[in-house]
Amino acid sequence: MTKAKLEFTHGGQVARIVLASPKANILDWVMMSDLKAAFEELVPRRDLKAVVLIGDGPNFSYGASVQEHLPDQIANTLEKLHNLLLTVARAPAPTIAAVHGQCLGGGFELVLACDLVIAEENAQFGCPEIKLGVFPPAASALLPEKIQRGWASSMVLTGASWSGATAAQCGLVSRTTAIAGLDEGLARWLESDFLPRSTAALRHTAHAIRRPLVRALEEDLTVLERMYLDELMAEPDAIEGIQAFLEKRQPQWGSPRLT
């Protein structure tokens, strides 16, 4: 099954990377490898003015594979996601996440690595990891770089989902469109604010404005991943939450380990 595909539009000036495993577009190891390879393929293209990341089917992405968060796989999962996010944040042209439907967990973290977000007003953004007894390392590092810390804390600590309209209110989403209006809204945005611009100016400006984001990925995320692997995964609740999700039952939380 196709996991990700790369397309070009507007005479090669816009790259379109599609998460092509509907309806969930899960970010499993294969999908993350495919996406990273697609972004790396763009590096030598000097004519790019924008890179669009979009999900096929009714949703952007349900997030990373919960199965690949089990103890024997989680380190590899975090490493693959970390490398993918760094590759996105170093893309050779401005990156735009075009979001409809559900955009959750690792899929949401992928969006956070992009420069800009356009979303349908009823799209749903969320970090549900707290409900599984864990936390999202990448979102914890990147959200405070994108929006005010109070908004970021609310999303990560409660696991609440935000509509596209709410995400725009806090500054996470740059533009919203009507339901089923994503393609049209994206096309208008590209034609008004990207295609008429200098390619060199767009590319250098993107690299300049991303510096805090790249630093958060290189430094903060590394620290948070170690906390996740060395401390959180030693807690019984972290395993219980993931197992309960896979077994489709309510988790039975215990007491934290004494340190």
C-alpha atoms as a PDB file:
ATOM      1  CA  MET A   1       0.000   0.000   0.000  1.00  0.00           C
ATOM      2  CA  THR A   2       1.230   3.490  -0.827  1.00  0.00           C
ATOM      3  CA  LYS A   3       2.252   5.335   2.335  1.00  0.00           C
ATOM      4  CA  ALA A   4       3.369   8.704   0.978  1.00  0.00           C
ATOM      5  CA  LYS A   5       3.703  10.215  -2.467  1.00  0.00           C
ATOM      6  CA  LEU A   6       5.376  13.258  -3.952  1.00  0.00           C
ATOM      7  CA  GLU A   7       3.763  15.412  -6.652  1.00  0.00           C
ATOM      8  CA  PHE A   8       4.633  18.728  -8.292  1.00  0.00           C
ATOM      9  CA  THR A   9       2.296  21.501  -9.408  1.00  0.00           C
ATOM     10  CA  HIS A  10       2.517  25.051 -10.795  1.00  0.00           C
ATOM     11  CA  GLY A  11       5.290  24.170 -13.204  1.00  0.00           C
ATOM     12  CA  GLY A  12       7.349  22.488 -10.518  1.00  0.00           C
ATOM     13  CA  GLN A  13       7.308  25.497  -8.198  1.00  0.00           C
ATOM     14  CA  VAL A  14       5.120  23.750  -5.604  1.00  0.00           C
ATOM     15  CA  ALA A  15       5.778  20.293  -4.197  1.00  0.00           C
ATOM     16  CA  ARG A  16       2.851  18.369  -2.766  1.00  0.00           C
ATOM     17  CA  ILE A  17       3.618  15.552  -0.320  1.00  0.00           C
ATOM     18  CA  VAL A  18       0.613  13.358   0.385  1.00  0.00           C
ATOM     19  CA  LEU A  19       0.073  11.027   3.337  1.00  0.00           C
ATOM     20  CA  ALA A  20      -1.551   8.360   1.183  1.00  0.00           C
ATOM     21  CA  SER A  21      -2.796   5.645   3.494  1.00  0.00           C
ATOM     22  CA  PRO A  22      -6.404   6.661   4.219  1.00  0.00           C
ATOM     23  CA  LYS A  23      -8.523   6.861   6.178  1.00  0.00           C
ATOM     24  CA  ALA A  24      -6.189   7.176   9.167  1.00  0.00           C
ATOM     25  CA  ASN A  25      -2.836   7.998   7.477  1.00  0.00           C
ATOM     26  CA  ILE A  26      -1.038   6.491  10.478  1.00  0.00           C
ATOM     27  CA  LEU A  27       2.554   7.643  10.961  1.00  0.00           C
ATOM     28  CA  ASP A  28       4.077   4.198  11.314  1.00  0.00           C
ATOM     29  CA  TRP A  29       7.730   3.479  10.576  1.00  0.00           C
ATOM     30  CA  VAL A  30       7.072   2.995   6.852  1.00  0.00           C
ATOM     31  CA  MET A  31       5.092   6.221   6.520  1.00  0.00           C
ATOM     32  CA  MET A  32       7.725   8.213   8.396  1.00  0.00           C
ATOM     33  CA  SER A  33      10.499   6.785   6.204  1.00  0.00           C
ATOM     34  CA  ASP A  34       8.517   7.581   3.054  1.00  0.00           C
ATOM     35  CA  LEU A  35       7.838  11.153   4.170  1.00  0.00           C
ATOM     36  CA  LYS A  36      11.476  11.735   5.101  1.00  0.00           C
ATOM     37  CA  ALA A  37      12.599  10.416   1.707  1.00  0.00           C
ATOM     38  CA  ALA A  38      10.104  12.684  -0.080  1.00  0.00           C
ATOM     39  CA  PHE A  39      11.398  15.773   1.736  1.00  0.00           C
ATOM     40  CA  GLU A  40      15.001  14.779   1.062  1.00  0.00           C
ATOM     41  CA  GLU A  41      14.211  14.469  -2.638  1.00  0.00           C
ATOM     42  CA  LEU A  42      13.343  18.183  -2.654  1.00  0.00           C
ATOM     43  CA  VAL A  43      16.741  19.387  -1.450  1.00  0.00           C
ATOM     44  CA  PRO A  44      18.386  19.823  -4.905  1.00  0.00           C
ATOM     45  CA  ARG A  45      15.336  21.510  -6.460  1.00  0.00           C
ATOM     46  CA  ARG A  46      16.203  25.198  -6.693  1.00  0.00           C
ATOM     47  CA  ASP A  47      12.882  26.249  -8.218  1.00  0.00           C
ATOM     48  CA  LEU A  48      10.616  25.425  -5.271  1.00  0.00           C
ATOM     49  CA  LYS A  49       8.534  28.201  -3.736  1.00  0.00           C
ATOM     50  CA  ALA A  50       6.414  26.077  -1.393  1.00  0.00           C
ATOM     51  CA  VAL A  51       6.004  22.550  -0.072  1.00  0.00           C
ATOM     52  CA  VAL A  52       2.472  21.441   0.793  1.00  0.00           C
ATOM     53  CA  LEU A  53       1.846  18.551   3.189  1.00  0.00           C
ATOM     54  CA  ILE A  54      -1.654  17.074   2.984  1.00  0.00           C
ATOM     55  CA  GLY A  55      -3.521  13.901   3.921  1.00  0.00           C
ATOM     56  CA  ASP A  56      -5.408  11.703   1.483  1.00  0.00           C
ATOM     57  CA  GLY A  57      -8.955  10.694   2.354  1.00  0.00           C
ATOM     58  CA  PRO A  58     -11.149  12.158   5.106  1.00  0.00           C
ATOM     59  CA  ASN A  59      -8.344  12.922   7.612  1.00  0.00           C
ATOM     60  CA  PHE A  60      -4.890  14.413   7.801  1.00  0.00           C
ATOM     61  CA  SER A  61      -3.574  11.783  10.251  1.00  0.00           C
ATOM     62  CA  TYR A  62      -4.702   9.937  13.359  1.00  0.00           C
ATOM     63  CA  GLY A  63      -1.093  10.046  14.546  1.00  0.00           C
ATOM     64  CA  ALA A  64       1.704   7.583  15.211  1.00  0.00           C
ATOM     65  CA  SER A  65       1.162   3.848  15.521  1.00  0.00           C
ATOM     66  CA  VAL A  66       0.215   2.991  19.121  1.00  0.00           C
ATOM     67  CA  GLN A  67       1.529  -0.540  18.525  1.00  0.00           C
ATOM     68  CA  GLU A  68       4.947   0.991  17.812  1.00  0.00           C
ATOM     69  CA  HIS A  69       4.862   2.723  21.212  1.00  0.00           C
ATOM     70  CA  LEU A  70       5.288  -0.556  23.100  1.00  0.00           C
ATOM     71  CA  PRO A  71       8.516  -0.809  25.164  1.00  0.00           C
ATOM     72  CA  ASP A  72      10.473  -2.813  22.596  1.00  0.00           C
ATOM     73  CA  GLN A  73       9.679  -0.354  19.788  1.00  0.00           C
ATOM     74  CA  ILE A  74       9.259   3.101  21.298  1.00  0.00           C
ATOM     75  CA  ALA A  75      12.920   4.163  21.097  1.00  0.00           C
ATOM     76  CA  ASN A  76      12.981   3.490  17.362  1.00  0.00           C
ATOM     77  CA  THR A  77       9.645   5.276  16.922  1.00  0.00           C
ATOM     78  CA  LEU A  78      10.862   8.415  18.693  1.00  0.00           C
ATOM     79  CA  GLU A  79      14.100   8.418  16.711  1.00  0.00           C
ATOM     80  CA  LYS A  80      12.294   8.087  13.375  1.00  0.00           C
ATOM     81  CA  LEU A  81       9.811  10.831  14.233  1.00  0.00           C
ATOM     82  CA  HIS A  82      12.590  13.115  15.489  1.00  0.00           C
ATOM     83  CA  ASN A  83      14.567  12.670  12.269  1.00  0.00           C
ATOM     84  CA  LEU A  84      11.457  13.281  10.160  1.00  0.00           C
ATOM     85  CA  LEU A  85      10.583  16.486  11.999  1.00  0.00           C
ATOM     86  CA  LEU A  86      14.130  17.807  11.618  1.00  0.00           C
ATOM     87  CA  THR A  87      13.998  17.042   7.902  1.00  0.00           C
ATOM     88  CA  VAL A  88      10.703  18.931   7.572  1.00  0.00           C
ATOM     89  CA  ALA A  89      12.053  21.881   9.552  1.00  0.00           C
ATOM     90  CA  ARG A  90      15.047  22.053   7.202  1.00  0.00           C
ATOM     91  CA  ALA A  91      13.007  21.831   3.990  1.00  0.00           C
ATOM     92  CA  PRO A  92      14.422  23.953   1.147  1.00  0.00           C
ATOM     93  CA  ALA A  93      11.256  26.068   0.769  1.00  0.00           C
ATOM     94  CA  PRO A  94       8.383  27.274   2.986  1.00  0.00           C
ATOM     95  CA  THR A  95       6.227  24.389   4.212  1.00  0.00           C
ATOM     96  CA  ILE A  96       2.439  24.535   4.467  1.00  0.00           C
ATOM     97  CA  ALA A  97       0.394  21.882   6.267  1.00  0.00           C
ATOM     98  CA  ALA A  98      -3.086  21.670   4.718  1.00  0.00           C
ATOM     99  CA  VAL A  99      -5.352  20.036   7.291  1.00  0.00           C
ATOM    100  CA  HIS A 100      -8.828  18.564   7.173  1.00  0.00           C
ATOM    101  CA  GLY A 101     -10.499  15.998   9.404  1.00  0.00           C
ATOM    102  CA  GLN A 102      -8.514  14.582  12.312  1.00  0.00           C
ATOM    103  CA  CYS A 103      -4.951  15.743  12.972  1.00  0.00           C
ATOM    104  CA  LEU A 104      -3.809  14.021  16.141  1.00  0.00           C
ATOM    105  CA  GLY A 105      -0.721  12.914  18.065  1.00  0.00           C
ATOM    106  CA  GLY A 106       2.262  12.340  15.801  1.00  0.00           C
ATOM    107  CA  GLY A 107       0.295  13.779  12.870  1.00  0.00           C
ATOM    108  CA  PHE A 108      -0.178  16.979  14.837  1.00  0.00           C
ATOM    109  CA  GLU A 109       3.531  17.042  15.695  1.00  0.00           C
ATOM    110  CA  LEU A 110       4.296  16.726  11.981  1.00  0.00           C
ATOM    111  CA  VAL A 111       2.145  19.809  11.357  1.00  0.00           C
ATOM    112  CA  LEU A 112       4.008  21.689  14.102  1.00  0.00           C
ATOM    113  CA  ALA A 113       7.269  21.206  12.183  1.00  0.00           C
ATOM    114  CA  CYS A 114       5.797  23.085   9.206  1.00  0.00           C
ATOM    115  CA  ASP A 115       6.059  26.851   8.744  1.00  0.00           C
ATOM    116  CA  LEU A 116       2.364  27.553   8.165  1.00  0.00           C
ATOM    117  CA  VAL A 117      -0.985  25.809   8.552  1.00  0.00           C
ATOM    118  CA  ILE A 118      -4.210  26.160   6.580  1.00  0.00           C
ATOM    119  CA  ALA A 119      -7.170  24.163   7.875  1.00  0.00           C
ATOM    120  CA  GLU A 120     -10.846  23.627   7.355  1.00  0.00           C
ATOM    121  CA  GLU A 121     -12.753  25.285  10.170  1.00  0.00           C
ATOM    122  CA  ASN A 122     -14.052  21.951  11.472  1.00  0.00           C
ATOM    123  CA  ALA A 123     -10.666  20.160  11.367  1.00  0.00           C
ATOM    124  CA  GLN A 124      -9.666  18.674  14.716  1.00  0.00           C
ATOM    125  CA  PHE A 125      -6.211  19.156  16.247  1.00  0.00           C
ATOM    126  CA  GLY A 126      -5.141  17.323  19.381  1.00  0.00           C
ATOM    127  CA  CYS A 127      -2.501  15.659  21.558  1.00  0.00           C
ATOM    128  CA  PRO A 128      -4.373  12.752  23.180  1.00  0.00           C
ATOM    129  CA  GLU A 129      -1.246  11.112  24.614  1.00  0.00           C
ATOM    130  CA  ILE A 130      -2.088  12.060  28.215  1.00  0.00           C
ATOM    131  CA  LYS A 131      -5.121   9.770  27.945  1.00  0.00           C
ATOM    132  CA  LEU A 132      -2.748   6.866  27.285  1.00  0.00           C
ATOM    133  CA  GLY A 133      -0.597   7.654  30.315  1.00  0.00           C
ATOM    134  CA  VAL A 134       2.235   9.265  28.320  1.00  0.00           C
ATOM    135  CA  PHE A 135       3.100  12.687  26.875  1.00  0.00           C
ATOM    136  CA  PRO A 136       4.050  13.981  23.408  1.00  0.00           C
ATOM    137  CA  PRO A 137       7.770  14.905  23.437  1.00  0.00           C
ATOM    138  CA  ALA A 138       7.765  16.732  20.090  1.00  0.00           C
ATOM    139  CA  ALA A 139       4.597  18.702  20.808  1.00  0.00           C
ATOM    140  CA  SER A 140       5.969  19.602  24.249  1.00  0.00           C
ATOM    141  CA  ALA A 141       9.070  21.033  22.584  1.00  0.00           C
ATOM    142  CA  LEU A 142       7.402  22.712  19.603  1.00  0.00           C
ATOM    143  CA  LEU A 143       4.039  24.019  20.814  1.00  0.00           C
ATOM    144  CA  PRO A 144       5.553  26.710  23.104  1.00  0.00           C
ATOM    145  CA  GLU A 145       7.522  27.943  20.067  1.00  0.00           C
ATOM    146  CA  LYS A 146       4.292  28.287  18.098  1.00  0.00           C
ATOM    147  CA  ILE A 147       1.699  29.608  20.557  1.00  0.00           C
ATOM    148  CA  GLN A 148       1.446  31.101  24.036  1.00  0.00           C
ATOM    149  CA  ARG A 149       2.498  28.723  26.777  1.00  0.00           C
ATOM    150  CA  GLY A 150      -0.917  28.719  28.451  1.00  0.00           C
ATOM    151  CA  TRP A 151      -2.575  27.481  25.263  1.00  0.00           C
ATOM    152  CA  ALA A 152       0.180  24.902  24.806  1.00  0.00           C
ATOM    153  CA  SER A 153      -0.138  23.623  28.378  1.00  0.00           C
ATOM    154  CA  SER A 154      -3.899  23.340  28.029  1.00  0.00           C
ATOM    155  CA  MET A 155      -3.663  21.164  24.938  1.00  0.00           C
ATOM    156  CA  VAL A 156      -0.905  18.850  26.174  1.00  0.00           C
ATOM    157  CA  LEU A 157      -2.125  18.443  29.764  1.00  0.00           C
ATOM    158  CA  THR A 158      -5.817  17.856  28.988  1.00  0.00           C
ATOM    159  CA  GLY A 159      -5.629  15.993  25.687  1.00  0.00           C
ATOM    160  CA  ALA A 160      -8.458  18.196  24.391  1.00  0.00           C
ATOM    161  CA  SER A 161      -9.074  18.575  20.653  1.00  0.00           C
ATOM    162  CA  TRP A 162      -9.347  21.999  19.051  1.00  0.00           C
ATOM    163  CA  SER A 163     -11.278  22.873  15.937  1.00  0.00           C
ATOM    164  CA  GLY A 164      -9.563  24.670  13.084  1.00  0.00           C
ATOM    165  CA  ALA A 165     -11.324  27.840  14.221  1.00  0.00           C
ATOM    166  CA  THR A 166      -9.984  27.530  17.781  1.00  0.00           C
ATOM    167  CA  ALA A 167      -6.507  26.700  16.505  1.00  0.00           C
ATOM    168  CA  ALA A 168      -6.641  29.898  14.432  1.00  0.00           C
ATOM    169  CA  GLN A 169      -7.703  31.888  17.491  1.00  0.00           C
ATOM    170  CA  CYS A 170      -4.561  30.844  19.380  1.00  0.00           C
ATOM    171  CA  GLY A 171      -2.319  31.466  16.368  1.00  0.00           C
ATOM    172  CA  LEU A 172      -1.535  27.871  15.471  1.00  0.00           C
ATOM    173  CA  VAL A 173      -3.462  28.009  12.188  1.00  0.00           C
ATOM    174  CA  SER A 174      -2.686  30.839   9.771  1.00  0.00           C
ATOM    175  CA  ARG A 175      -5.799  30.512   7.599  1.00  0.00           C
ATOM    176  CA  THR A 176      -9.096  28.668   7.833  1.00  0.00           C
ATOM    177  CA  THR A 177     -11.428  27.629   5.054  1.00  0.00           C
ATOM    178  CA  ALA A 178     -15.019  26.489   4.884  1.00  0.00           C
ATOM    179  CA  ILE A 179     -15.792  22.788   5.146  1.00  0.00           C
ATOM    180  CA  ALA A 180     -14.672  21.063   1.925  1.00  0.00           C
ATOM    181  CA  GLY A 181     -12.955  24.305   0.891  1.00  0.00           C
ATOM    182  CA  LEU A 182      -9.348  23.340   1.648  1.00  0.00           C
ATOM    183  CA  ASP A 183      -8.126  22.812  -1.921  1.00  0.00           C
ATOM    184  CA  GLU A 184      -9.648  26.069  -3.153  1.00  0.00           C
ATOM    185  CA  GLY A 185      -8.370  28.067  -0.182  1.00  0.00           C
ATOM    186  CA  LEU A 186      -4.892  26.609  -0.529  1.00  0.00           C
ATOM    187  CA  ALA A 187      -4.787  27.378  -4.258  1.00  0.00           C
ATOM    188  CA  ARG A 188      -5.761  31.014  -3.638  1.00  0.00           C
ATOM    189  CA  TRP A 189      -3.122  31.358  -0.920  1.00  0.00           C
ATOM    190  CA  LEU A 190      -0.371  29.927  -3.106  1.00  0.00           C
ATOM    191  CA  GLU A 191      -1.330  32.192  -6.001  1.00  0.00           C
ATOM    192  CA  SER A 192      -1.498  35.351  -3.888  1.00  0.00           C
ATOM    193  CA  ASP A 193       1.385  34.990  -1.435  1.00  0.00           C
ATOM    194  CA  PHE A 194       3.894  32.475  -2.784  1.00  0.00           C
ATOM    195  CA  LEU A 195       3.994  32.116  -6.563  1.00  0.00           C
ATOM    196  CA  PRO A 196       4.528  35.878  -7.173  1.00  0.00           C
ATOM    197  CA  ARG A 197       7.451  36.052  -4.726  1.00  0.00           C
ATOM    198  CA  SER A 198      11.186  35.701  -5.276  1.00  0.00           C
ATOM    199  CA  THR A 199      12.224  32.071  -4.885  1.00  0.00           C
ATOM    200  CA  ALA A 200      15.495  33.071  -3.214  1.00  0.00           C
ATOM    201  CA  ALA A 201      13.725  35.402  -0.785  1.00  0.00           C
ATOM    202  CA  LEU A 202      11.157  32.767   0.190  1.00  0.00           C
ATOM    203  CA  ARG A 203      13.791  30.109   0.795  1.00  0.00           C
ATOM    204  CA  HIS A 204      16.139  32.307   2.847  1.00  0.00           C
ATOM    205  CA  THR A 205      13.281  33.785   4.879  1.00  0.00           C
ATOM    206  CA  ALA A 206      11.983  30.305   5.704  1.00  0.00           C
ATOM    207  CA  HIS A 207      15.401  29.229   6.962  1.00  0.00           C
ATOM    208  CA  ALA A 208      15.720  32.434   9.011  1.00  0.00           C
ATOM    209  CA  ILE A 209      12.343  32.250  10.742  1.00  0.00           C
ATOM    210  CA  ARG A 210      12.755  28.551  11.582  1.00  0.00           C
ATOM    211  CA  ARG A 211      15.893  28.904  13.680  1.00  0.00           C
ATOM    212  CA  PRO A 212      14.124  28.708  17.082  1.00  0.00           C
ATOM    213  CA  LEU A 213      12.092  25.727  15.856  1.00  0.00           C
ATOM    214  CA  VAL A 214      15.167  23.857  14.665  1.00  0.00           C
ATOM    215  CA  ARG A 215      16.925  24.626  17.945  1.00  0.00           C
ATOM    216  CA  ALA A 216      13.942  23.213  19.876  1.00  0.00           C
ATOM    217  CA  LEU A 217      14.136  20.025  17.810  1.00  0.00           C
ATOM    218  CA  GLU A 218      17.898  19.671  18.169  1.00  0.00           C
ATOM    219  CA  GLU A 219      18.139  20.500  21.874  1.00  0.00           C
ATOM    220  CA  ASP A 220      14.843  20.444  23.790  1.00  0.00           C
ATOM    221  CA  LEU A 221      13.368  17.419  22.037  1.00  0.00           C
ATOM    222  CA  THR A 222      16.479  15.354  22.743  1.00  0.00           C
ATOM    223  CA  VAL A 223      16.120  16.065  26.470  1.00  0.00           C
ATOM    224  CA  LEU A 224      12.400  15.246  26.462  1.00  0.00           C
ATOM    225  CA  GLU A 225      12.938  11.968  24.627  1.00  0.00           C
ATOM    226  CA  ARG A 226      15.413  10.875  27.257  1.00  0.00           C
ATOM    227  CA  MET A 227      12.872  11.748  29.962  1.00  0.00           C
ATOM    228  CA  TYR A 228      10.246   9.746  28.089  1.00  0.00           C
ATOM    229  CA  LEU A 229      12.440   6.656  27.614  1.00  0.00           C
ATOM    230  CA  ASP A 230      14.372   6.628  30.883  1.00  0.00           C
ATOM    231  CA  GLU A 231      11.743   7.896  33.324  1.00  0.00           C
ATOM    232  CA  LEU A 232       8.196   7.753  31.974  1.00  0.00           C
ATOM    233  CA  MET A 233       8.528   4.310  30.363  1.00  0.00           C
ATOM    234  CA  ALA A 234       9.704   2.983  33.738  1.00  0.00           C
ATOM    235  CA  GLU A 235       6.263   3.842  35.148  1.00  0.00           C
ATOM    236  CA  PRO A 236       3.678   1.020  35.051  1.00  0.00           C
ATOM    237  CA  ASP A 237       1.001   3.502  33.946  1.00  0.00           C
ATOM    238  CA  ALA A 238       2.794   4.188  30.660  1.00  0.00           C
ATOM    239  CA  ILE A 239       2.593   0.519  29.710  1.00  0.00           C
ATOM    240  CA  GLU A 240      -0.932   0.139  31.091  1.00  0.00           C
ATOM    241  CA  GLY A 241      -2.273   3.056  29.056  1.00  0.00           C
ATOM    242  CA  ILE A 242      -0.901   1.744  25.787  1.00  0.00           C
ATOM    243  CA  GLN A 243      -2.015  -1.822  26.496  1.00  0.00           C
ATOM    244  CA  ALA A 244      -5.502  -0.641  27.452  1.00  0.00           C
ATOM    245  CA  PHE A 245      -5.819   1.278  24.195  1.00  0.00           C
ATOM    246  CA  LEU A 246      -4.748  -1.732  22.151  1.00  0.00           C
ATOM    247  CA  GLU A 247      -7.117  -3.986  24.107  1.00  0.00           C
ATOM    248  CA  LYS A 248      -9.985  -1.448  23.808  1.00  0.00           C
ATOM    249  CA  ARG A 249     -10.595  -1.140  27.554  1.00  0.00           C
ATOM    250  CA  GLN A 250     -10.359   1.524  30.243  1.00  0.00           C
ATOM    251  CA  PRO A 251      -6.891   1.846  31.832  1.00  0.00           C
ATOM    252  CA  GLN A 252      -6.378   0.992  35.490  1.00  0.00           C
ATOM    253  CA  TRP A 253      -3.975   3.612  36.810  1.00  0.00           C
ATOM    254  CA  GLY A 254      -1.675   2.906  39.740  1.00  0.00           C
ATOM    255  CA  SER A 255       0.594   5.036  41.919  1.00  0.00           C
ATOM    256  CA  PRO A 256       3.806   6.623  40.613  1.00  0.00           C
ATOM    257  CA  ARG A 257       7.059   4.871  41.437  1.00  0.00           C
ATOM    258  CA  LEU A 258       8.982   6.299  44.360  1.00  0.00           C
ATOM    259  CA  THR A 259      12.183   7.998  43.202  1.00  0.00           C
END
